[in-house]
Amino acid sequence: MGITISRSHDLMQKAMDYRAARQDMIAGNIANADTPFYHPRDIRFEEVLAQKSASIFADKSQTLPMAQTNGAHLNGTETASSANATTFFRDGHMARNDGNSVDIDVETTEMAKNSTMFNALTAALKKDSAIFKSVIDASAKTS
């Protein structure tokens, strides 16, 4: 077991991993802009991060248990959901004569948005780590 910097640290690292994977997919879409019958791919991970965030920050004392009036009834466990990000083909773009539906404008816009989010996560992780480091440094000075 390692040191836990904060409850959000692991979540931010996972988000950065997903953002890096999305950046690679978008770069692949741009690289295949002239490949016949190529359809752009993307990755959906926001739901996974939201579920992870809810499990990390949920106040367990605020959870209302489901009443079970008969022992034969189901116990009301939460529905299973996808624990992984899902990849999909991005729709809605007109395919060219060669069947390729990559829109460079869309791809570069998505890449810029993704890069901005990645940079924001990097800054947040640096700040989170700096706070942790300052606490360690302060405690080392008092001993």
N, C-alpha and C. Protein backbone atom coordinates (compact mmCIF):
# COMPACT_ATOMS: atom_id res chain seq x y z
N MET A 1 0.85 -1.18 0.00
CA MET A 1 0.00 0.00 0.00
C MET A 1 0.88 1.23 0.00
N GLY A 2 0.65 2.15 -0.90
CA GLY A 2 1.43 3.37 -1.01
C GLY A 2 0.81 4.51 -0.23
N ILE A 3 1.45 5.63 -0.30
CA ILE A 3 0.96 6.83 0.37
C ILE A 3 -0.15 7.43 -0.47
N THR A 4 -1.23 7.79 0.16
CA THR A 4 -2.34 8.45 -0.53
C THR A 4 -2.18 9.96 -0.37
N ILE A 5 -1.95 10.64 -1.45
CA ILE A 5 -1.77 12.09 -1.40
C ILE A 5 -3.11 12.75 -1.11
N SER A 6 -4.12 12.39 -1.84
CA SER A 6 -5.48 12.89 -1.60
C SER A 6 -6.45 11.91 -2.25
N ARG A 7 -7.71 12.05 -1.89
CA ARG A 7 -8.70 11.15 -2.48
C ARG A 7 -8.85 11.39 -3.97
N SER A 8 -8.60 12.61 -4.40
CA SER A 8 -8.79 12.94 -5.82
C SER A 8 -7.57 12.64 -6.68
N HIS A 9 -6.42 12.37 -6.06
CA HIS A 9 -5.18 12.18 -6.81
C HIS A 9 -5.29 11.01 -7.81
N ASP A 10 -5.76 9.86 -7.33
CA ASP A 10 -5.90 8.70 -8.22
C ASP A 10 -6.91 8.96 -9.33
N LEU A 11 -7.98 9.68 -9.00
CA LEU A 11 -8.99 10.02 -10.00
C LEU A 11 -8.40 10.91 -11.09
N MET A 12 -7.60 11.88 -10.69
CA MET A 12 -6.97 12.77 -11.68
C MET A 12 -5.97 12.01 -12.54
N GLN A 13 -5.23 11.08 -11.95
CA GLN A 13 -4.30 10.28 -12.74
C GLN A 13 -5.04 9.42 -13.76
N LYS A 14 -6.15 8.82 -13.35
CA LYS A 14 -6.95 8.01 -14.27
C LYS A 14 -7.51 8.89 -15.40
N ALA A 15 -7.95 10.08 -15.05
CA ALA A 15 -8.47 11.01 -16.06
C ALA A 15 -7.37 11.38 -17.06
N MET A 16 -6.15 11.57 -16.57
CA MET A 16 -5.04 11.87 -17.47
C MET A 16 -4.75 10.69 -18.41
N ASP A 17 -4.84 9.48 -17.88
CA ASP A 17 -4.64 8.29 -18.72
C ASP A 17 -5.68 8.26 -19.85
N TYR A 18 -6.94 8.52 -19.50
CA TYR A 18 -8.00 8.53 -20.51
C TYR A 18 -7.79 9.67 -21.50
N ARG A 19 -7.39 10.82 -21.02
CA ARG A 19 -7.13 11.96 -21.92
C ARG A 19 -5.98 11.63 -22.88
N ALA A 20 -4.95 10.96 -22.39
CA ALA A 20 -3.83 10.57 -23.26
C ALA A 20 -4.29 9.58 -24.32
N ALA A 21 -5.14 8.63 -23.92
CA ALA A 21 -5.68 7.66 -24.88
C ALA A 21 -6.54 8.37 -25.93
N ARG A 22 -7.31 9.35 -25.50
CA ARG A 22 -8.17 10.10 -26.44
C ARG A 22 -7.30 10.89 -27.40
N GLN A 23 -6.22 11.49 -26.90
CA GLN A 23 -5.31 12.24 -27.76
C GLN A 23 -4.73 11.33 -28.84
N ASP A 24 -4.36 10.11 -28.46
CA ASP A 24 -3.83 9.15 -29.43
C ASP A 24 -4.88 8.78 -30.47
N MET A 25 -6.12 8.60 -30.05
CA MET A 25 -7.19 8.27 -31.01
C MET A 25 -7.43 9.40 -31.99
N ILE A 26 -7.46 10.62 -31.48
CA ILE A 26 -7.68 11.78 -32.36
C ILE A 26 -6.52 11.92 -33.33
N ALA A 27 -5.30 11.73 -32.84
CA ALA A 27 -4.13 11.80 -33.73
C ALA A 27 -4.22 10.72 -34.81
N GLY A 28 -4.71 9.53 -34.43
CA GLY A 28 -4.91 8.47 -35.41
C GLY A 28 -5.96 8.83 -36.44
N ASN A 29 -7.01 9.50 -36.00
CA ASN A 29 -8.06 9.95 -36.94
C ASN A 29 -7.48 10.94 -37.95
N ILE A 30 -6.68 11.88 -37.45
CA ILE A 30 -6.07 12.87 -38.35
C ILE A 30 -5.10 12.19 -39.31
N ALA A 31 -4.34 11.23 -38.80
CA ALA A 31 -3.38 10.51 -39.66
C ALA A 31 -4.08 9.72 -40.75
N ASN A 32 -5.31 9.29 -40.49
CA ASN A 32 -6.06 8.50 -41.47
C ASN A 32 -7.07 9.33 -42.25
N ALA A 33 -6.86 10.62 -42.30
CA ALA A 33 -7.81 11.50 -43.00
C ALA A 33 -7.92 11.18 -44.49
N ASP A 34 -6.91 10.56 -45.06
CA ASP A 34 -6.93 10.22 -46.49
C ASP A 34 -7.08 8.72 -46.75
N THR A 35 -7.37 7.95 -45.69
CA THR A 35 -7.54 6.50 -45.83
C THR A 35 -8.97 6.20 -46.27
N PRO A 36 -9.15 5.52 -47.40
CA PRO A 36 -10.51 5.22 -47.86
C PRO A 36 -11.28 4.38 -46.84
N PHE A 37 -12.54 4.70 -46.68
CA PHE A 37 -13.49 4.01 -45.80
C PHE A 37 -13.12 4.06 -44.31
N TYR A 38 -12.27 5.00 -43.93
CA TYR A 38 -11.92 5.14 -42.51
C TYR A 38 -12.98 5.99 -41.82
N HIS A 39 -13.37 5.55 -40.64
CA HIS A 39 -14.34 6.30 -39.82
C HIS A 39 -13.66 6.70 -38.52
N PRO A 40 -13.79 7.96 -38.13
CA PRO A 40 -13.09 8.43 -36.93
C PRO A 40 -13.58 7.74 -35.66
N ARG A 41 -12.65 7.45 -34.78
CA ARG A 41 -12.95 6.80 -33.50
C ARG A 41 -12.80 7.80 -32.37
N ASP A 42 -13.46 7.51 -31.28
CA ASP A 42 -13.35 8.33 -30.09
C ASP A 42 -13.52 7.43 -28.88
N ILE A 43 -13.29 7.97 -27.71
CA ILE A 43 -13.41 7.21 -26.47
C ILE A 43 -14.32 7.96 -25.51
N ARG A 44 -15.19 7.22 -24.86
CA ARG A 44 -16.12 7.80 -23.89
C ARG A 44 -15.72 7.29 -22.51
N PHE A 45 -15.31 8.21 -21.64
CA PHE A 45 -14.85 7.80 -20.32
C PHE A 45 -15.43 8.65 -19.19
N GLU A 46 -16.21 9.65 -19.53
CA GLU A 46 -16.75 10.56 -18.51
C GLU A 46 -17.63 9.83 -17.50
N GLU A 47 -18.43 8.87 -17.98
CA GLU A 47 -19.32 8.13 -17.07
C GLU A 47 -18.51 7.31 -16.07
N VAL A 48 -17.41 6.72 -16.55
CA VAL A 48 -16.56 5.91 -15.68
C VAL A 48 -15.95 6.79 -14.60
N LEU A 49 -15.47 7.97 -14.99
CA LEU A 49 -14.88 8.88 -14.00
C LEU A 49 -15.93 9.40 -13.03
N ALA A 50 -17.14 9.65 -13.51
CA ALA A 50 -18.21 10.12 -12.62
C ALA A 50 -18.56 9.05 -11.59
N GLN A 51 -18.60 7.79 -12.01
CA GLN A 51 -18.88 6.70 -11.08
C GLN A 51 -17.75 6.56 -10.05
N LYS A 52 -16.52 6.67 -10.52
CA LYS A 52 -15.37 6.58 -9.62
C LYS A 52 -15.38 7.74 -8.63
N SER A 53 -15.70 8.91 -9.12
CA SER A 53 -15.78 10.09 -8.25
C SER A 53 -16.88 9.92 -7.21
N ALA A 54 -18.01 9.42 -7.63
CA ALA A 54 -19.12 9.21 -6.69
C ALA A 54 -18.74 8.20 -5.62
N SER A 55 -18.00 7.16 -6.01
CA SER A 55 -17.61 6.16 -5.01
C SER A 55 -16.55 6.71 -4.05
N ILE A 56 -15.69 7.60 -4.53
CA ILE A 56 -14.65 8.17 -3.67
C ILE A 56 -15.23 9.19 -2.70
N PHE A 57 -16.08 10.07 -3.20
CA PHE A 57 -16.56 11.19 -2.41
C PHE A 57 -17.94 11.00 -1.79
N ALA A 58 -18.55 9.84 -2.02
CA ALA A 58 -19.90 9.61 -1.48
C ALA A 58 -19.84 9.53 0.04
N ASP A 59 -20.83 10.13 0.66
CA ASP A 59 -20.97 10.05 2.11
C ASP A 59 -21.78 8.80 2.40
N LYS A 60 -21.09 7.76 2.87
CA LYS A 60 -21.75 6.47 3.09
C LYS A 60 -22.86 6.55 4.12
N SER A 61 -22.79 7.52 5.03
CA SER A 61 -23.84 7.66 6.03
C SER A 61 -25.13 8.20 5.43
N GLN A 62 -25.05 8.79 4.24
CA GLN A 62 -26.22 9.35 3.58
C GLN A 62 -26.92 8.36 2.66
N THR A 63 -26.41 7.13 2.59
CA THR A 63 -26.99 6.13 1.71
C THR A 63 -28.24 5.53 2.36
N LEU A 64 -29.33 5.54 1.64
CA LEU A 64 -30.59 4.99 2.12
C LEU A 64 -30.71 3.55 1.66
N PRO A 65 -30.73 2.59 2.59
CA PRO A 65 -30.83 1.19 2.18
C PRO A 65 -32.24 0.87 1.68
N MET A 66 -32.31 -0.08 0.77
CA MET A 66 -33.59 -0.48 0.22
C MET A 66 -34.27 -1.44 1.20
N ALA A 67 -35.55 -1.20 1.44
CA ALA A 67 -36.31 -2.08 2.33
C ALA A 67 -36.60 -3.39 1.62
N GLN A 68 -36.47 -4.49 2.36
CA GLN A 68 -36.72 -5.81 1.79
C GLN A 68 -37.81 -6.46 2.66
N THR A 69 -39.02 -6.54 2.10
CA THR A 69 -40.17 -7.01 2.88
C THR A 69 -40.30 -8.53 2.90
N ASN A 70 -39.57 -9.20 2.03
CA ASN A 70 -39.66 -10.65 1.95
C ASN A 70 -38.27 -11.18 1.63
N GLY A 71 -37.87 -12.25 2.26
CA GLY A 71 -36.54 -12.82 2.05
C GLY A 71 -36.32 -13.31 0.62
N ALA A 72 -37.41 -13.57 -0.11
CA ALA A 72 -37.29 -14.05 -1.49
C ALA A 72 -37.07 -12.91 -2.48
N HIS A 73 -37.24 -11.67 -2.02
CA HIS A 73 -37.05 -10.53 -2.92
C HIS A 73 -35.56 -10.31 -3.19
N LEU A 74 -35.28 -9.67 -4.32
CA LEU A 74 -33.90 -9.32 -4.62
C LEU A 74 -33.42 -8.29 -3.61
N ASN A 75 -32.13 -8.28 -3.36
CA ASN A 75 -31.60 -7.41 -2.31
C ASN A 75 -31.36 -5.97 -2.73
N GLY A 76 -31.64 -5.61 -3.95
CA GLY A 76 -31.54 -4.21 -4.37
C GLY A 76 -30.13 -3.72 -4.58
N THR A 77 -29.25 -4.57 -5.02
CA THR A 77 -27.89 -4.12 -5.30
C THR A 77 -27.92 -3.18 -6.48
N GLU A 78 -26.92 -2.34 -6.55
CA GLU A 78 -26.85 -1.40 -7.65
C GLU A 78 -26.67 -2.14 -8.97
N THR A 79 -27.19 -1.54 -10.03
CA THR A 79 -27.06 -2.17 -11.34
C THR A 79 -25.61 -2.14 -11.78
N ALA A 80 -25.22 -3.19 -12.43
CA ALA A 80 -23.85 -3.27 -12.93
C ALA A 80 -23.67 -2.29 -14.06
N SER A 81 -22.56 -1.62 -14.06
CA SER A 81 -22.29 -0.68 -15.13
C SER A 81 -20.90 -0.95 -15.68
N SER A 82 -20.64 -0.38 -16.81
CA SER A 82 -19.35 -0.58 -17.44
C SER A 82 -18.26 0.09 -16.61
N ALA A 83 -17.26 -0.67 -16.22
CA ALA A 83 -16.17 -0.11 -15.42
C ALA A 83 -15.04 0.38 -16.31
N ASN A 84 -15.21 0.27 -17.60
CA ASN A 84 -14.17 0.68 -18.53
C ASN A 84 -14.71 1.72 -19.50
N ALA A 85 -13.79 2.47 -20.02
CA ALA A 85 -14.16 3.42 -21.06
C ALA A 85 -14.56 2.65 -22.31
N THR A 86 -15.41 3.25 -23.11
CA THR A 86 -15.85 2.59 -24.34
C THR A 86 -15.39 3.39 -25.55
N THR A 87 -14.94 2.67 -26.55
CA THR A 87 -14.57 3.32 -27.80
C THR A 87 -15.74 3.19 -28.77
N PHE A 88 -15.87 4.18 -29.63
CA PHE A 88 -16.97 4.18 -30.58
C PHE A 88 -16.56 4.92 -31.84
N PHE A 89 -17.32 4.71 -32.89
CA PHE A 89 -17.13 5.45 -34.13
C PHE A 89 -17.96 6.71 -34.06
N ARG A 90 -17.33 7.83 -34.34
CA ARG A 90 -18.03 9.11 -34.28
C ARG A 90 -18.92 9.26 -35.52
N ASP A 91 -20.20 9.52 -35.29
CA ASP A 91 -21.18 9.65 -36.39
C ASP A 91 -21.41 11.11 -36.74
N GLY A 92 -22.26 11.30 -37.69
CA GLY A 92 -22.76 12.63 -38.00
C GLY A 92 -21.95 13.41 -39.02
N HIS A 93 -20.89 12.84 -39.52
CA HIS A 93 -20.10 13.55 -40.51
C HIS A 93 -20.33 12.93 -41.87
N MET A 94 -20.42 13.76 -42.83
CA MET A 94 -20.67 13.31 -44.19
C MET A 94 -19.45 12.58 -44.73
N ALA A 95 -19.64 11.39 -45.22
CA ALA A 95 -18.54 10.65 -45.82
C ALA A 95 -18.24 11.23 -47.20
N ARG A 96 -16.96 11.28 -47.51
CA ARG A 96 -16.56 11.75 -48.83
C ARG A 96 -16.78 10.64 -49.85
N ASN A 97 -16.43 10.90 -51.07
CA ASN A 97 -16.61 9.90 -52.14
C ASN A 97 -15.85 8.61 -51.86
N ASP A 98 -14.72 8.70 -51.13
CA ASP A 98 -13.93 7.50 -50.84
C ASP A 98 -14.42 6.78 -49.57
N GLY A 99 -15.51 7.25 -48.97
CA GLY A 99 -16.07 6.60 -47.79
C GLY A 99 -15.46 7.06 -46.48
N ASN A 100 -14.48 7.94 -46.53
CA ASN A 100 -13.83 8.44 -45.32
C ASN A 100 -14.70 9.55 -44.73
N SER A 101 -14.90 9.51 -43.41
CA SER A 101 -15.74 10.54 -42.78
C SER A 101 -14.99 11.37 -41.75
N VAL A 102 -13.66 11.45 -41.88
CA VAL A 102 -12.86 12.27 -40.97
C VAL A 102 -13.01 13.73 -41.38
N ASP A 103 -13.39 14.57 -40.42
CA ASP A 103 -13.49 16.01 -40.64
C ASP A 103 -12.34 16.65 -39.86
N ILE A 104 -11.36 17.18 -40.57
CA ILE A 104 -10.17 17.73 -39.94
C ILE A 104 -10.52 18.85 -38.96
N ASP A 105 -11.51 19.67 -39.28
CA ASP A 105 -11.92 20.75 -38.38
C ASP A 105 -12.42 20.20 -37.05
N VAL A 106 -13.24 19.16 -37.11
CA VAL A 106 -13.76 18.53 -35.90
C VAL A 106 -12.62 17.91 -35.10
N GLU A 107 -11.74 17.20 -35.78
CA GLU A 107 -10.64 16.52 -35.10
C GLU A 107 -9.70 17.50 -34.42
N THR A 108 -9.34 18.58 -35.10
CA THR A 108 -8.43 19.55 -34.48
C THR A 108 -9.10 20.28 -33.32
N THR A 109 -10.40 20.52 -33.42
CA THR A 109 -11.13 21.14 -32.32
C THR A 109 -11.17 20.21 -31.12
N GLU A 110 -11.48 18.93 -31.36
CA GLU A 110 -11.50 17.94 -30.27
C GLU A 110 -10.11 17.78 -29.66
N MET A 111 -9.07 17.83 -30.48
CA MET A 111 -7.71 17.70 -29.97
C MET A 111 -7.36 18.90 -29.08
N ALA A 112 -7.77 20.09 -29.49
CA ALA A 112 -7.49 21.29 -28.68
C ALA A 112 -8.24 21.23 -27.35
N LYS A 113 -9.51 20.80 -27.38
CA LYS A 113 -10.27 20.67 -26.13
C LYS A 113 -9.64 19.64 -25.22
N ASN A 114 -9.24 18.52 -25.79
CA ASN A 114 -8.63 17.45 -25.00
C ASN A 114 -7.30 17.90 -24.41
N SER A 115 -6.50 18.62 -25.19
CA SER A 115 -5.21 19.13 -24.70
C SER A 115 -5.40 20.11 -23.55
N THR A 116 -6.41 20.96 -23.66
CA THR A 116 -6.70 21.91 -22.59
C THR A 116 -7.08 21.18 -21.30
N MET A 117 -7.91 20.15 -21.43
CA MET A 117 -8.30 19.37 -20.25
C MET A 117 -7.10 18.63 -19.66
N PHE A 118 -6.25 18.09 -20.51
CA PHE A 118 -5.05 17.39 -20.04
C PHE A 118 -4.14 18.36 -19.28
N ASN A 119 -3.95 19.57 -19.84
CA ASN A 119 -3.11 20.57 -19.17
C ASN A 119 -3.70 21.01 -17.84
N ALA A 120 -5.02 21.13 -17.78
CA ALA A 120 -5.68 21.49 -16.51
C ALA A 120 -5.48 20.39 -15.47
N LEU A 121 -5.59 19.14 -15.89
CA LEU A 121 -5.35 18.02 -14.97
C LEU A 121 -3.89 18.00 -14.50
N THR A 122 -2.97 18.28 -15.40
CA THR A 122 -1.55 18.33 -15.02
C THR A 122 -1.31 19.41 -13.97
N ALA A 123 -1.89 20.59 -14.18
CA ALA A 123 -1.75 21.68 -13.21
C ALA A 123 -2.37 21.31 -11.87
N ALA A 124 -3.52 20.66 -11.90
CA ALA A 124 -4.18 20.26 -10.65
C ALA A 124 -3.35 19.22 -9.90
N LEU A 125 -2.78 18.27 -10.62
CA LEU A 125 -1.93 17.26 -9.98
C LEU A 125 -0.68 17.88 -9.38
N LYS A 126 -0.08 18.84 -10.10
CA LYS A 126 1.10 19.51 -9.56
C LYS A 126 0.75 20.26 -8.28
N LYS A 127 -0.38 20.94 -8.28
CA LYS A 127 -0.80 21.69 -7.10
C LYS A 127 -1.10 20.73 -5.94
N ASP A 128 -1.77 19.64 -6.23
CA ASP A 128 -2.10 18.64 -5.21
C ASP A 128 -0.82 18.07 -4.61
N SER A 129 0.15 17.76 -5.45
CA SER A 129 1.42 17.21 -4.97
C SER A 129 2.22 18.26 -4.20
N ALA A 130 2.16 19.52 -4.63
CA ALA A 130 2.89 20.59 -3.94
C ALA A 130 2.34 20.80 -2.54
N ILE A 131 1.03 20.71 -2.38
CA ILE A 131 0.43 20.84 -1.05
C ILE A 131 0.90 19.70 -0.16
N PHE A 132 0.90 18.50 -0.68
CA PHE A 132 1.35 17.33 0.08
C PHE A 132 2.82 17.49 0.47
N LYS A 133 3.64 17.94 -0.47
CA LYS A 133 5.07 18.13 -0.21
C LYS A 133 5.29 19.20 0.85
N SER A 134 4.52 20.28 0.81
CA SER A 134 4.70 21.35 1.79
C SER A 134 4.33 20.86 3.20
N VAL A 135 3.35 19.99 3.31
CA VAL A 135 3.00 19.43 4.61
C VAL A 135 4.13 18.56 5.13
N ILE A 136 4.72 17.76 4.27
CA ILE A 136 5.84 16.91 4.68
C ILE A 136 7.04 17.77 5.09
N ASP A 137 7.33 18.80 4.28
CA ASP A 137 8.46 19.70 4.61
C ASP A 137 8.22 20.41 5.95
N ALA A 138 7.01 20.87 6.19
CA ALA A 138 6.69 21.56 7.43
C ALA A 138 6.81 20.63 8.63
N SER A 139 6.38 19.38 8.47
CA SER A 139 6.47 18.43 9.58
C SER A 139 7.92 18.03 9.84
N ALA A 140 8.75 18.05 8.82
CA ALA A 140 10.17 17.71 8.98
C ALA A 140 10.90 18.81 9.75
N LYS A 141 10.48 20.05 9.60
CA LYS A 141 11.10 21.18 10.28
C LYS A 141 10.77 21.20 11.77
N THR A 142 9.60 20.67 12.13
CA THR A 142 9.18 20.71 13.54
C THR A 142 9.76 19.57 14.34
N SER A 143 10.28 18.54 13.68
CA SER A 143 10.80 17.39 14.45
C SER A 143 12.27 17.48 14.71
